[in-house]
Amino acid sequence: MAGRDKIQGLLRRIYGPTGDEAYRRIGRLLAEFPARKPHKRKYFSEADVVLITYGDSLKRPGEKPIKTIHRFAKTYLQGIFSAIHFLPFFPYSSDDGFSVIDFKAIDPDLGSWDDVQRIQDDFALMFDLVLNHLSARSDWFARYLRGEKGFNELAIEVDRDQDTRSVVRPRTLPLLTEFTRADGSRVNVWTTFSDDQIDLNYKSIDVLVLMVTVLLLYVRQGAKVLRLDAVAYLWKTLGTSCIHLPQTHAMVKLLRAILDAVAPDVILITETNVPHAENISYFGDGSDEAQMVYNFTLPPLLLYTLVKGDATVLTQWAAGLDLPSETNTFFNFTASHDGIGVRPLEGILPTEALGVLIQAVETNGGRVSYKQNTDGSQSPYELNITYVDALSSGGHRKDSLHAQRFLASQAIQYSLPGVPATYIHSLLGSCNWEEGVRRTGRARTINREKLVYEDVVRELQDPANLRSRIFWPYLDMIRVRIKQSAFDPKAGFKILNIDPRVFAITRRSKDQTLYALTNVTSREVVVSITTIEKSAWLEDLVAGQRFNPEAIRLKPYQYVWLRPAAK
């Protein structure tokens, strides 16, 4: 009952006098939701590791790609990765899935709901809830243009003479797009990301009910984690920035309350590519918004650390990775289907430092995407490059330290407090897909190649191939990690400032203490941990070496996870 009261209270806060009508309609959806067994909440453990993939990142002749992903994961990743995050696998018209035509169907070119559900026997499932926008070619938008009841307020209409300069823009494209209604009249609608992605009007209860229906469908289809795509832009009010508005946070609270009422085992994660303080605001008070947020500062700051060969800024930033409660944690990643966002570096790195990153990325074959600022100027928004190639040396694929430098970045990610996630192209050691960029004309395509299953398997079996030199050591690292209680997201941590050339963190559970050290330079480094008894020896869980804490010798880009050695 308390949960239902919370839902009703949030709806009244968001919708005012019509909140009770919204509650009646959503209440009917919840009453129809199948009863679930009581669930004892257990938020995350050291065994939680997520693979991020498109439904067709791997292809095999005569087989639906979702089945191919399942085949690959069962063969190579079972018992290592605990979950698979499928990026939007719905029918779509653009943006590689993020312009959804039908939220309730699986793209038949990829597979079926049955194919997805079979994966549950081996891996937990994470889906995208693309709740900010939908395709201009969708049936819902067509019904809006026809003025059908229940859809006539689907989009956000704005007069061209309205002042929209204060709106935060993640793109350089126009904010408004003109469409012609069925009756011949013209209307300008809000399109934050592209003219094919129509922003949904959550001021309409009809829209809210439609999307809550989608949310509950995904839970029924087996989602254990739901990613709220582009959620920061959800609510629009002219005259404001239209990002992180109070109503947006109230909407996240509402979705959390709905899940708490009918499926408390399902986790919400917010995707907000913004500076750190804004990002973690989606934890709410620690119990009422998202259980996880993407750790967006990590990818660009870690890249900067390895480009500079200096862990000073990363060390300072990581010391502040505190959480509001034990039921919250970070979703740690270095690469995704998108580029490496640079807005999260605001307030952490000076402007000239961003230039260092841009130069390194362009030298290594990458691109830079821009956003429109409120004063009409443009500034860098993201770096488009595979994380593997971002860490090559001057664009040289024959760099002998390339694989080790990349693996060092992943070891740092996997040592931090939170749940680690790896994009399939990082795991497979993929390089920039230049041909894809030429085909589409879109910079983001550089990290979205569709791979042939048999080719990948053959390359993984070649010890000299970069894929092989990354994939197998990467799996070995994860195998070690998932057995250490000190890497539980709830375990304590302390950042050690022992040498600017080394990133060092202590992780501590009730029954284990680990020291994770990573050399971020191309030279050998000798460091000491002064808090350990001089007579004690440390054992590296990764390679089995033993170290004297007074003289820990690290090869270029070597990472070690050290525990007190048995006497």
Protein backbone atom coordinates (compact mmCIF):
# COMPACT_ATOMS: atom_id res chain seq x y z
CA MET A 1 0.00 0.00 0.00
CA ALA A 2 2.83 2.41 0.88
CA GLY A 3 4.30 1.84 -2.58
CA ARG A 4 1.03 2.70 -4.29
CA ASP A 5 0.71 5.84 -2.14
CA LYS A 6 4.19 6.88 -3.28
CA ILE A 7 3.22 6.41 -6.91
CA GLN A 8 0.09 8.48 -6.43
CA GLY A 9 2.02 11.21 -4.62
CA LEU A 10 4.59 11.45 -7.40
CA LEU A 11 1.89 11.64 -10.06
CA ARG A 12 0.18 14.45 -8.18
CA ARG A 13 3.51 16.27 -7.89
CA ILE A 14 4.18 15.93 -11.63
CA TYR A 15 0.67 16.39 -13.05
CA GLY A 16 -1.17 18.39 -10.44
CA PRO A 17 -4.98 18.02 -10.59
CA THR A 18 -4.82 15.35 -13.29
CA GLY A 19 -2.42 13.21 -11.26
CA ASP A 20 -5.27 11.12 -9.82
CA GLU A 21 -6.48 10.25 -13.32
CA ALA A 22 -2.92 9.20 -14.20
CA TYR A 23 -2.85 7.06 -11.06
CA ARG A 24 -6.11 5.31 -11.96
CA ARG A 25 -4.81 4.43 -15.41
CA ILE A 26 -1.38 3.27 -14.22
CA GLY A 27 -3.00 1.45 -11.33
CA ARG A 28 -4.91 -0.68 -13.82
CA LEU A 29 -1.63 -1.61 -15.54
CA LEU A 30 -0.07 -2.61 -12.23
CA ALA A 31 -3.14 -4.65 -11.26
CA GLU A 32 -2.81 -6.62 -14.51
CA PHE A 33 0.90 -7.27 -14.00
CA PRO A 34 1.58 -10.93 -13.14
CA ALA A 35 2.32 -11.54 -9.48
CA ARG A 36 5.99 -12.28 -8.77
CA LYS A 37 7.52 -14.27 -5.96
CA PRO A 38 8.75 -12.20 -3.02
CA HIS A 39 12.29 -11.11 -3.72
CA LYS A 40 15.01 -10.48 -1.20
CA ARG A 41 16.97 -7.53 -2.56
CA LYS A 42 20.64 -8.21 -3.22
CA TYR A 43 22.34 -5.40 -5.01
CA PHE A 44 25.38 -6.50 -6.96
CA SER A 45 28.48 -8.48 -6.07
CA GLU A 46 32.01 -9.02 -7.34
CA ALA A 47 30.56 -11.60 -9.75
CA ASP A 48 28.55 -8.98 -11.66
CA VAL A 49 30.20 -8.21 -15.01
CA VAL A 50 28.22 -6.93 -18.03
CA LEU A 51 28.84 -7.39 -21.75
CA ILE A 52 27.50 -4.53 -23.90
CA THR A 53 26.54 -5.43 -27.46
CA TYR A 54 24.25 -4.71 -30.36
CA GLY A 55 21.99 -7.56 -31.33
CA ASP A 56 23.97 -7.94 -34.56
CA SER A 57 27.55 -7.16 -33.46
CA LEU A 58 28.34 -10.73 -34.55
CA LYS A 59 26.86 -12.35 -37.64
CA ARG A 60 26.81 -15.91 -38.92
CA PRO A 61 25.28 -17.08 -42.21
CA GLY A 62 21.86 -18.68 -41.78
CA GLU A 63 21.51 -17.68 -38.13
CA LYS A 64 19.67 -14.79 -36.50
CA PRO A 65 22.27 -12.48 -34.92
CA ILE A 66 20.80 -12.64 -31.39
CA LYS A 67 21.30 -16.41 -31.53
CA THR A 68 24.85 -15.81 -32.74
CA ILE A 69 25.60 -13.54 -29.79
CA HIS A 70 24.17 -16.18 -27.47
CA ARG A 71 26.28 -18.86 -29.15
CA PHE A 72 29.46 -16.81 -28.73
CA ALA A 73 28.68 -15.89 -25.12
CA LYS A 74 27.90 -19.49 -24.13
CA THR A 75 31.08 -20.72 -25.78
CA TYR A 76 33.53 -18.16 -24.45
CA LEU A 77 31.96 -16.01 -21.74
CA GLN A 78 29.78 -18.22 -19.54
CA GLY A 79 30.90 -18.14 -15.93
CA ILE A 80 32.89 -14.98 -16.64
CA PHE A 81 30.28 -12.40 -17.65
CA SER A 82 27.07 -12.45 -15.63
CA ALA A 83 24.85 -10.30 -17.86
CA ILE A 84 24.39 -9.12 -21.42
CA HIS A 85 23.24 -5.59 -22.21
CA PHE A 86 21.52 -5.55 -25.58
CA LEU A 87 21.48 -2.09 -27.09
CA PRO A 88 18.11 -1.36 -28.75
CA PHE A 89 17.11 -4.43 -30.73
CA PHE A 90 13.74 -3.10 -31.84
CA PRO A 91 12.64 -2.12 -35.37
CA TYR A 92 14.22 1.27 -36.07
CA SER A 93 14.75 3.85 -38.80
CA SER A 94 18.10 5.46 -37.90
CA ASP A 95 20.83 5.96 -35.28
CA ASP A 96 21.64 2.23 -35.17
CA GLY A 97 18.56 1.39 -33.15
CA PHE A 98 17.95 4.51 -31.08
CA SER A 99 15.22 5.80 -33.37
CA VAL A 100 12.65 3.17 -32.42
CA ILE A 101 9.74 2.38 -34.73
CA ASP A 102 8.09 -0.19 -32.46
CA PHE A 103 9.00 -0.42 -28.78
CA LYS A 104 7.19 -3.72 -28.32
CA ALA A 105 8.76 -5.85 -31.05
CA ILE A 106 12.18 -7.34 -31.74
CA ASP A 107 13.63 -6.40 -35.12
CA PRO A 108 12.90 -9.57 -37.16
CA ASP A 109 16.28 -9.24 -38.86
CA LEU A 110 17.87 -9.81 -35.42
CA GLY A 111 15.63 -12.51 -33.96
CA SER A 112 12.58 -12.80 -31.72
CA TRP A 113 11.50 -12.40 -28.12
CA ASP A 114 11.88 -16.17 -27.79
CA ASP A 115 15.55 -15.86 -28.82
CA VAL A 116 16.06 -13.17 -26.20
CA GLN A 117 14.31 -15.11 -23.45
CA ARG A 118 16.43 -18.21 -24.08
CA ILE A 119 19.48 -16.21 -23.05
CA GLN A 120 18.05 -15.90 -19.52
CA ASP A 121 19.10 -19.47 -18.81
CA ASP A 122 22.75 -18.40 -19.08
CA PHE A 123 22.97 -14.64 -18.53
CA ALA A 124 20.94 -11.88 -16.90
CA LEU A 125 19.47 -9.40 -19.38
CA MET A 126 19.75 -5.64 -19.62
CA PHE A 127 17.54 -3.73 -22.08
CA ASP A 128 17.37 -0.15 -23.27
CA LEU A 129 14.25 1.85 -22.50
CA VAL A 130 14.54 4.61 -25.12
CA LEU A 131 12.08 6.84 -23.35
CA ASN A 132 13.02 10.32 -24.57
CA HIS A 133 12.10 9.91 -28.24
CA LEU A 134 10.78 7.65 -31.00
CA SER A 135 11.11 7.35 -34.76
CA ALA A 136 9.44 9.83 -37.08
CA ARG A 137 8.47 6.73 -39.11
CA SER A 138 6.69 5.01 -36.23
CA ASP A 139 3.00 4.19 -36.17
CA TRP A 140 2.63 6.24 -33.00
CA PHE A 141 3.92 9.38 -34.73
CA ALA A 142 1.75 8.72 -37.78
CA ARG A 143 -1.26 8.58 -35.45
CA TYR A 144 -0.14 11.87 -33.91
CA LEU A 145 -0.01 13.49 -37.34
CA ARG A 146 -3.54 12.17 -37.98
CA GLY A 147 -4.69 13.69 -34.69
CA GLU A 148 -5.95 10.40 -33.25
CA LYS A 149 -7.20 10.42 -29.69
CA GLY A 150 -4.57 9.17 -27.27
CA PHE A 151 -1.78 10.26 -29.64
CA ASN A 152 -2.71 13.85 -30.43
CA GLU A 153 -0.33 15.17 -27.74
CA LEU A 154 2.49 12.70 -28.42
CA ALA A 155 5.02 15.31 -29.63
CA ILE A 156 6.08 18.68 -28.25
CA GLU A 157 4.90 21.49 -30.49
CA VAL A 158 6.81 24.79 -30.50
CA ASP A 159 6.28 27.97 -32.50
CA ARG A 160 9.31 29.02 -34.53
CA ASP A 161 9.32 32.46 -32.90
CA GLN A 162 9.76 30.97 -29.40
CA ASP A 163 13.13 31.69 -27.79
CA THR A 164 14.89 28.33 -27.34
CA ARG A 165 18.43 29.65 -26.85
CA SER A 166 18.62 28.51 -23.22
CA VAL A 167 18.00 24.86 -24.16
CA VAL A 168 21.08 22.67 -23.64
CA ARG A 169 21.96 21.03 -26.96
CA PRO A 170 23.90 17.77 -27.27
CA ARG A 171 24.02 18.17 -31.05
CA THR A 172 24.61 20.86 -33.68
CA LEU A 173 21.39 19.95 -35.53
CA PRO A 174 18.27 22.17 -35.34
CA LEU A 175 16.15 21.73 -32.21
CA LEU A 176 12.85 21.90 -34.14
CA THR A 177 11.72 19.93 -37.18
CA GLU A 178 8.71 20.77 -39.35
CA PHE A 179 6.13 18.10 -40.24
CA THR A 180 2.86 18.21 -42.15
CA ARG A 181 -0.26 16.87 -40.47
CA ALA A 182 -2.83 14.72 -42.24
CA ASP A 183 -5.09 17.79 -42.56
CA GLY A 184 -2.33 19.72 -44.39
CA SER A 185 -1.36 22.00 -41.51
CA ARG A 186 2.29 22.31 -40.54
CA VAL A 187 3.75 21.86 -37.09
CA ASN A 188 7.22 22.28 -35.59
CA VAL A 189 8.09 19.54 -33.10
CA TRP A 190 10.94 19.11 -30.65
CA THR A 191 13.77 16.87 -31.92
CA THR A 192 16.70 16.90 -29.52
CA PHE A 193 18.89 14.39 -31.35
CA SER A 194 17.85 14.35 -35.03
CA ASP A 195 14.95 15.09 -37.34
CA ASP A 196 14.09 11.36 -37.24
CA GLN A 197 13.89 11.24 -33.43
CA ILE A 198 10.71 12.85 -32.11
CA ASP A 199 10.85 13.85 -28.45
CA LEU A 200 7.95 12.46 -26.44
CA ASN A 201 5.68 14.86 -24.58
CA TYR A 202 5.51 13.58 -21.00
CA LYS A 203 3.14 16.38 -20.06
CA SER A 204 0.56 14.12 -21.70
CA ILE A 205 -0.76 11.34 -19.46
CA ASP A 206 -1.42 9.33 -22.62
CA VAL A 207 2.33 9.33 -23.36
CA LEU A 208 3.17 8.36 -19.79
CA VAL A 209 0.77 5.40 -19.90
CA LEU A 210 2.17 4.25 -23.25
CA MET A 211 5.74 4.23 -21.92
CA VAL A 212 4.84 2.60 -18.59
CA THR A 213 3.24 -0.14 -20.67
CA VAL A 214 6.56 -0.57 -22.49
CA LEU A 215 8.47 -0.61 -19.20
CA LEU A 216 6.31 -3.41 -17.83
CA LEU A 217 6.54 -5.37 -21.08
CA TYR A 218 10.35 -5.38 -20.83
CA VAL A 219 10.15 -6.68 -17.28
CA ARG A 220 7.83 -9.45 -18.43
CA GLN A 221 10.29 -10.32 -21.19
CA GLY A 222 13.06 -10.87 -18.67
CA ALA A 223 14.90 -7.58 -18.22
CA LYS A 224 16.75 -7.46 -14.90
CA VAL A 225 18.32 -4.07 -15.64
CA LEU A 226 16.71 -1.21 -17.58
CA ARG A 227 18.83 1.55 -19.07
CA LEU A 228 17.03 4.89 -19.22
CA ASP A 229 18.43 6.33 -22.43
CA ALA A 230 18.96 10.12 -22.66
CA VAL A 231 16.82 10.52 -19.55
CA ALA A 232 18.31 13.92 -18.62
CA TYR A 233 16.35 15.58 -21.45
CA LEU A 234 13.01 13.97 -20.61
CA TRP A 235 10.99 17.02 -19.50
CA LYS A 236 10.92 20.29 -21.41
CA THR A 237 9.92 23.74 -20.19
CA LEU A 238 10.70 26.70 -22.43
CA GLY A 239 12.81 29.33 -20.75
CA THR A 240 14.88 26.69 -18.95
CA SER A 241 17.86 24.54 -19.91
CA CYS A 242 15.48 21.56 -20.39
CA ILE A 243 18.02 19.24 -18.80
CA HIS A 244 17.85 17.72 -15.29
CA LEU A 245 14.58 19.52 -14.55
CA PRO A 246 12.82 18.67 -11.25
CA GLN A 247 10.08 16.93 -13.23
CA THR A 248 12.70 14.71 -14.87
CA HIS A 249 13.97 13.56 -11.49
CA ALA A 250 10.36 13.05 -10.39
CA MET A 251 9.81 10.85 -13.46
CA VAL A 252 12.81 8.69 -12.56
CA LYS A 253 11.42 8.42 -9.03
CA LEU A 254 8.07 7.39 -10.51
CA LEU A 255 9.59 4.61 -12.65
CA ARG A 256 11.55 3.40 -9.63
CA ALA A 257 8.41 3.39 -7.48
CA ILE A 258 6.49 1.44 -10.12
CA LEU A 259 9.22 -1.22 -10.30
CA ASP A 260 9.51 -1.34 -6.51
CA ALA A 261 5.78 -2.09 -6.39
CA VAL A 262 5.67 -4.93 -8.93
CA ALA A 263 9.27 -6.01 -9.69
CA PRO A 264 11.66 -4.89 -6.94
CA ASP A 265 14.41 -7.13 -8.32
CA VAL A 266 14.69 -4.99 -11.49
CA ILE A 267 17.41 -2.34 -11.52
CA LEU A 268 17.28 1.13 -13.10
CA ILE A 269 20.40 2.72 -14.58
CA THR A 270 20.44 6.28 -15.90
CA GLU A 271 22.41 7.29 -18.99
CA THR A 272 23.41 10.95 -18.57
CA ASN A 273 26.56 12.00 -20.41
CA VAL A 274 27.16 15.09 -18.27
CA PRO A 275 29.62 16.34 -15.61
CA HIS A 276 30.05 14.10 -12.57
CA ALA A 277 27.98 16.06 -10.04
CA GLU A 278 25.03 16.24 -12.44
CA ASN A 279 25.42 12.57 -13.28
CA ILE A 280 25.30 11.27 -9.71
CA SER A 281 22.26 13.43 -8.93
CA TYR A 282 20.25 10.55 -10.45
CA PHE A 283 20.98 8.44 -7.38
CA GLY A 284 18.45 10.72 -5.67
CA ASP A 285 18.61 10.20 -1.93
CA GLY A 286 20.13 6.77 -2.42
CA SER A 287 16.83 4.90 -2.40
CA ASP A 288 14.36 6.71 -4.63
CA GLU A 289 15.94 7.07 -8.09
CA ALA A 290 18.41 4.91 -10.04
CA GLN A 291 20.35 2.13 -8.35
CA MET A 292 23.17 2.62 -10.89
CA VAL A 293 24.53 5.50 -12.96
CA TYR A 294 27.03 5.34 -15.79
CA ASN A 295 30.45 6.52 -14.59
CA PHE A 296 30.84 8.88 -17.54
CA THR A 297 33.94 10.69 -16.27
CA LEU A 298 35.99 7.51 -16.27
CA PRO A 299 36.45 6.91 -20.06
CA PRO A 300 37.90 10.31 -21.01
CA LEU A 301 39.86 10.78 -17.79
CA LEU A 302 41.40 7.32 -17.99
CA LEU A 303 42.35 7.93 -21.62
CA TYR A 304 43.97 11.23 -20.64
CA THR A 305 45.88 9.46 -17.87
CA LEU A 306 47.42 6.93 -20.25
CA VAL A 307 48.11 9.51 -22.97
CA LYS A 308 49.97 11.69 -20.47
CA GLY A 309 51.52 8.82 -18.51
CA ASP A 310 50.44 10.56 -15.31
CA ALA A 311 47.77 9.33 -12.86
CA THR A 312 47.64 12.49 -10.74
CA VAL A 313 44.24 13.81 -11.86
CA LEU A 314 42.67 10.35 -12.02
CA THR A 315 43.90 9.69 -8.48
CA GLN A 316 42.38 12.93 -7.21
CA TRP A 317 39.05 12.31 -8.93
CA ALA A 318 38.71 8.65 -7.93
CA ALA A 319 39.14 9.53 -4.26
CA GLY A 320 35.67 11.12 -4.41
CA LEU A 321 33.75 8.11 -5.76
CA ASP A 322 31.52 7.93 -2.72
CA LEU A 323 27.94 6.68 -2.87
CA PRO A 324 24.79 7.73 -1.02
CA SER A 325 23.91 4.16 0.06
CA GLU A 326 24.90 0.50 -0.22
CA THR A 327 22.08 0.00 -2.72
CA ASN A 328 23.76 2.34 -5.22
CA THR A 329 26.80 1.78 -7.37
CA PHE A 330 28.58 2.98 -10.47
CA PHE A 331 28.37 1.31 -13.87
CA ASN A 332 32.05 1.45 -14.82
CA PHE A 333 32.91 1.37 -18.51
CA THR A 334 35.51 2.75 -20.87
CA ALA A 335 33.87 2.26 -24.26
CA SER A 336 30.34 2.04 -25.56
CA HIS A 337 28.45 2.26 -28.84
CA ASP A 338 28.75 6.05 -28.55
CA GLY A 339 31.95 8.02 -28.50
CA ILE A 340 33.98 9.04 -25.49
CA GLY A 341 32.04 11.95 -24.00
CA VAL A 342 34.15 14.93 -22.92
CA ARG A 343 31.55 17.02 -21.07
CA PRO A 344 32.17 14.92 -17.93
CA LEU A 345 35.68 16.45 -17.80
CA GLU A 346 34.27 19.91 -17.11
CA GLY A 347 35.73 21.20 -13.86
CA ILE A 348 38.28 18.36 -13.77
CA LEU A 349 40.64 19.14 -16.64
CA PRO A 350 41.51 22.57 -18.04
CA THR A 351 40.58 23.40 -21.63
CA GLU A 352 44.12 22.93 -22.90
CA ALA A 353 44.14 19.37 -21.53
CA LEU A 354 41.15 18.57 -23.74
CA GLY A 355 43.30 19.62 -26.67
CA VAL A 356 45.80 16.91 -25.72
CA LEU A 357 43.04 14.30 -25.92
CA ILE A 358 41.72 15.59 -29.23
CA GLN A 359 45.19 15.53 -30.77
CA ALA A 360 45.81 11.96 -29.56
CA VAL A 361 42.45 10.76 -30.90
CA GLU A 362 42.90 12.40 -34.29
CA THR A 363 46.46 11.04 -34.55
CA ASN A 364 45.06 7.56 -33.91
CA GLY A 365 42.45 7.85 -36.65
CA GLY A 366 39.49 9.10 -34.61
CA ARG A 367 37.00 11.93 -35.07
CA VAL A 368 35.57 14.70 -32.88
CA SER A 369 31.83 15.44 -32.65
CA TYR A 370 30.52 18.81 -31.50
CA LYS A 371 27.54 20.27 -29.66
CA GLN A 372 25.75 23.60 -30.00
CA ASN A 373 26.19 26.00 -27.06
CA THR A 374 23.57 28.47 -25.86
CA ASP A 375 25.62 31.40 -27.26
CA GLY A 376 25.60 29.87 -30.73
CA SER A 377 29.16 28.59 -30.59
CA GLN A 378 30.20 24.95 -30.85
CA SER A 379 32.42 22.88 -28.58
CA PRO A 380 33.65 19.26 -28.49
CA TYR A 381 31.04 16.81 -27.21
CA GLU A 382 32.57 13.38 -27.81
CA LEU A 383 35.57 11.62 -29.30
CA ASN A 384 34.71 8.95 -31.87
CA ILE A 385 37.23 6.12 -31.85
CA THR A 386 37.47 2.57 -30.57
CA TYR A 387 39.03 2.53 -27.12
CA VAL A 388 41.58 0.04 -28.44
CA ASP A 389 42.81 2.44 -31.12
CA ALA A 390 42.57 5.42 -28.77
CA LEU A 391 45.38 3.73 -26.84
CA SER A 392 47.63 2.94 -29.79
CA SER A 393 50.87 4.89 -30.09
CA GLY A 394 50.69 7.52 -32.78
CA GLY A 395 48.38 5.38 -34.87
CA HIS A 396 50.88 2.54 -35.13
CA ARG A 397 49.11 -0.82 -35.05
CA LYS A 398 52.50 -2.59 -34.70
CA ASP A 399 53.18 -0.84 -31.39
CA SER A 400 54.55 -3.64 -29.17
CA LEU A 401 52.89 -2.18 -26.06
CA HIS A 402 49.49 -1.58 -27.66
CA ALA A 403 47.66 -4.56 -26.15
CA GLN A 404 49.27 -4.12 -22.73
CA ARG A 405 48.43 -0.40 -22.65
CA PHE A 406 44.81 -1.16 -23.46
CA LEU A 407 44.62 -3.95 -20.86
CA ALA A 408 46.07 -1.59 -18.27
CA SER A 409 43.13 0.74 -18.88
CA GLN A 410 40.71 -2.12 -18.36
CA ALA A 411 42.45 -3.26 -15.19
CA ILE A 412 41.96 0.20 -13.69
CA GLN A 413 38.29 0.16 -14.67
CA TYR A 414 37.84 -3.28 -13.10
CA SER A 415 39.55 -2.27 -9.86
CA LEU A 416 37.28 0.69 -9.14
CA PRO A 417 34.17 0.44 -6.93
CA GLY A 418 31.15 -0.44 -9.05
CA VAL A 419 29.89 -2.96 -11.58
CA PRO A 420 32.24 -3.25 -14.59
CA ALA A 421 30.88 -3.39 -18.13
CA THR A 422 32.77 -4.11 -21.34
CA TYR A 423 31.68 -3.21 -24.86
CA ILE A 424 32.05 -6.19 -27.18
CA HIS A 425 34.46 -4.34 -29.48
CA SER A 426 36.77 -3.66 -26.55
CA LEU A 427 36.69 -7.30 -25.48
CA LEU A 428 37.42 -8.37 -29.05
CA GLY A 429 40.22 -5.86 -29.58
CA SER A 430 38.47 -4.11 -32.46
CA CYS A 431 40.17 -1.27 -34.30
CA ASN A 432 38.57 1.71 -36.04
CA TRP A 433 36.00 0.78 -38.69
CA GLU A 434 36.93 3.37 -41.30
CA GLU A 435 34.89 1.69 -44.03
CA GLY A 436 31.78 2.03 -41.86
CA VAL A 437 32.32 5.77 -41.48
CA ARG A 438 32.69 6.11 -45.24
CA ARG A 439 29.46 4.19 -45.79
CA THR A 440 27.30 6.09 -43.32
CA GLY A 441 28.98 9.47 -43.08
CA ARG A 442 28.57 9.25 -39.29
CA ALA A 443 31.56 9.44 -36.96
CA ARG A 444 29.99 7.11 -34.38
CA THR A 445 29.99 4.24 -36.87
CA ILE A 446 33.74 3.93 -36.27
CA ASN A 447 33.02 1.79 -33.18
CA ARG A 448 29.95 -0.12 -34.42
CA GLU A 449 31.32 -2.68 -36.88
CA LYS A 450 29.30 -5.82 -37.57
CA LEU A 451 31.73 -8.71 -37.32
CA VAL A 452 31.63 -12.11 -39.01
CA TYR A 453 31.57 -14.83 -36.34
CA GLU A 454 33.93 -17.23 -38.14
CA ASP A 455 36.45 -14.45 -38.85
CA VAL A 456 36.50 -13.45 -35.19
CA VAL A 457 36.96 -17.03 -34.00
CA ARG A 458 39.82 -17.54 -36.47
CA GLU A 459 41.55 -14.34 -35.34
CA LEU A 460 41.14 -15.26 -31.67
CA GLN A 461 43.00 -18.50 -32.40
CA ASP A 462 45.99 -16.64 -33.86
CA PRO A 463 48.36 -15.69 -30.99
CA ALA A 464 49.90 -12.91 -33.09
CA ASN A 465 46.56 -11.23 -33.82
CA LEU A 466 45.67 -8.15 -31.75
CA ARG A 467 42.24 -9.62 -31.01
CA SER A 468 43.87 -12.68 -29.47
CA ARG A 469 46.43 -10.63 -27.52
CA ILE A 470 43.59 -8.67 -25.91
CA PHE A 471 40.74 -11.18 -25.61
CA TRP A 472 42.38 -14.04 -23.71
CA PRO A 473 44.27 -11.93 -21.12
CA TYR A 474 41.09 -9.87 -20.67
CA LEU A 475 39.08 -13.00 -19.83
CA ASP A 476 41.84 -14.20 -17.48
CA MET A 477 41.69 -10.85 -15.66
CA ILE A 478 37.91 -11.10 -15.21
CA ARG A 479 38.17 -14.71 -14.01
CA VAL A 480 40.44 -13.52 -11.22
CA ARG A 481 38.28 -10.53 -10.36
CA ILE A 482 34.98 -12.33 -9.92
CA LYS A 483 36.49 -14.53 -7.21
CA GLN A 484 37.66 -11.67 -4.97
CA SER A 485 35.26 -10.39 -2.33
CA ALA A 486 37.32 -7.20 -2.08
CA PHE A 487 35.95 -6.25 -5.52
CA ASP A 488 32.35 -6.38 -4.30
CA PRO A 489 30.85 -2.97 -5.18
CA LYS A 490 29.98 -2.54 -1.49
CA ALA A 491 33.55 -3.23 -0.36
CA GLY A 492 35.53 -0.29 0.94
CA PHE A 493 38.18 1.50 -1.07
CA LYS A 494 40.97 3.97 -0.59
CA ILE A 495 42.96 5.67 -3.32
CA LEU A 496 46.70 5.51 -2.67
CA ASN A 497 48.79 8.48 -3.81
CA ILE A 498 52.12 6.66 -4.06
CA ASP A 499 53.54 7.84 -7.40
CA PRO A 500 52.12 9.89 -10.29
CA ARG A 501 53.18 7.13 -12.68
CA VAL A 502 51.00 4.55 -10.94
CA PHE A 503 47.29 4.41 -10.24
CA ALA A 504 46.83 2.61 -6.93
CA ILE A 505 43.72 1.64 -4.99
CA THR A 506 43.08 -0.52 -1.95
CA ARG A 507 39.88 -2.57 -1.92
CA ARG A 508 38.76 -4.11 1.36
CA SER A 509 35.94 -6.48 2.31
CA LYS A 510 35.41 -8.06 5.70
CA ASP A 511 37.60 -11.02 4.75
CA GLN A 512 40.01 -9.68 2.12
CA THR A 513 42.32 -6.76 1.37
CA LEU A 514 43.73 -6.14 -2.11
CA TYR A 515 46.12 -3.56 -3.51
CA ALA A 516 45.52 -2.85 -7.21
CA LEU A 517 48.41 -1.04 -8.87
CA THR A 518 48.74 -0.08 -12.53
CA ASN A 519 51.75 1.46 -14.23
CA VAL A 520 50.34 4.09 -16.61
CA THR A 521 53.64 4.70 -18.40
CA SER A 522 55.80 3.03 -21.05
CA ARG A 523 58.74 2.76 -18.63
CA GLU A 524 59.51 0.47 -15.75
CA VAL A 525 58.53 1.91 -12.38
CA VAL A 526 59.53 0.93 -8.83
CA VAL A 527 57.17 1.97 -6.02
CA SER A 528 56.52 1.08 -2.41
CA ILE A 529 53.47 0.74 -0.19
CA THR A 530 54.50 2.18 3.14
CA THR A 531 51.40 1.07 5.04
CA ILE A 532 52.42 -2.60 4.84
CA GLU A 533 54.86 -4.25 7.22
CA LYS A 534 58.34 -4.40 5.76
CA SER A 535 58.59 -8.10 6.47
CA ALA A 536 55.35 -8.90 4.62
CA TRP A 537 55.33 -10.13 1.03
CA LEU A 538 52.60 -9.57 -1.49
CA GLU A 539 51.28 -12.05 -4.05
CA ASP A 540 49.94 -10.91 -7.42
CA LEU A 541 46.65 -12.64 -8.22
CA VAL A 542 47.03 -11.87 -11.93
CA ALA A 543 50.44 -13.40 -12.68
CA GLY A 544 51.35 -15.20 -9.46
CA GLN A 545 54.45 -13.09 -8.77
CA ARG A 546 55.59 -12.18 -5.26
CA PHE A 547 56.61 -8.62 -4.38
CA ASN A 548 58.42 -6.91 -1.55
CA PRO A 549 56.14 -3.96 -0.63
CA GLU A 550 59.24 -1.76 -0.31
CA ALA A 551 60.22 -2.30 -3.95
CA ILE A 552 57.34 -3.20 -6.25
CA ARG A 553 58.82 -3.27 -9.74
CA LEU A 554 56.22 -2.77 -12.48
CA LYS A 555 56.98 -3.25 -16.16
CA PRO A 556 55.49 -0.80 -18.70
CA TYR A 557 51.69 -0.81 -18.31
CA GLN A 558 51.81 -3.76 -15.93
CA TYR A 559 48.92 -4.14 -13.52
CA VAL A 560 48.99 -6.19 -10.33
CA TRP A 561 46.32 -7.15 -7.83
CA LEU A 562 48.20 -7.85 -4.65
CA ARG A 563 47.19 -9.66 -1.49
CA PRO A 564 49.31 -10.57 1.55
CA ALA A 565 51.24 -13.71 0.67
CA ALA A 566 50.88 -16.82 2.79
CA LYS A 567 53.79 -17.19 5.18
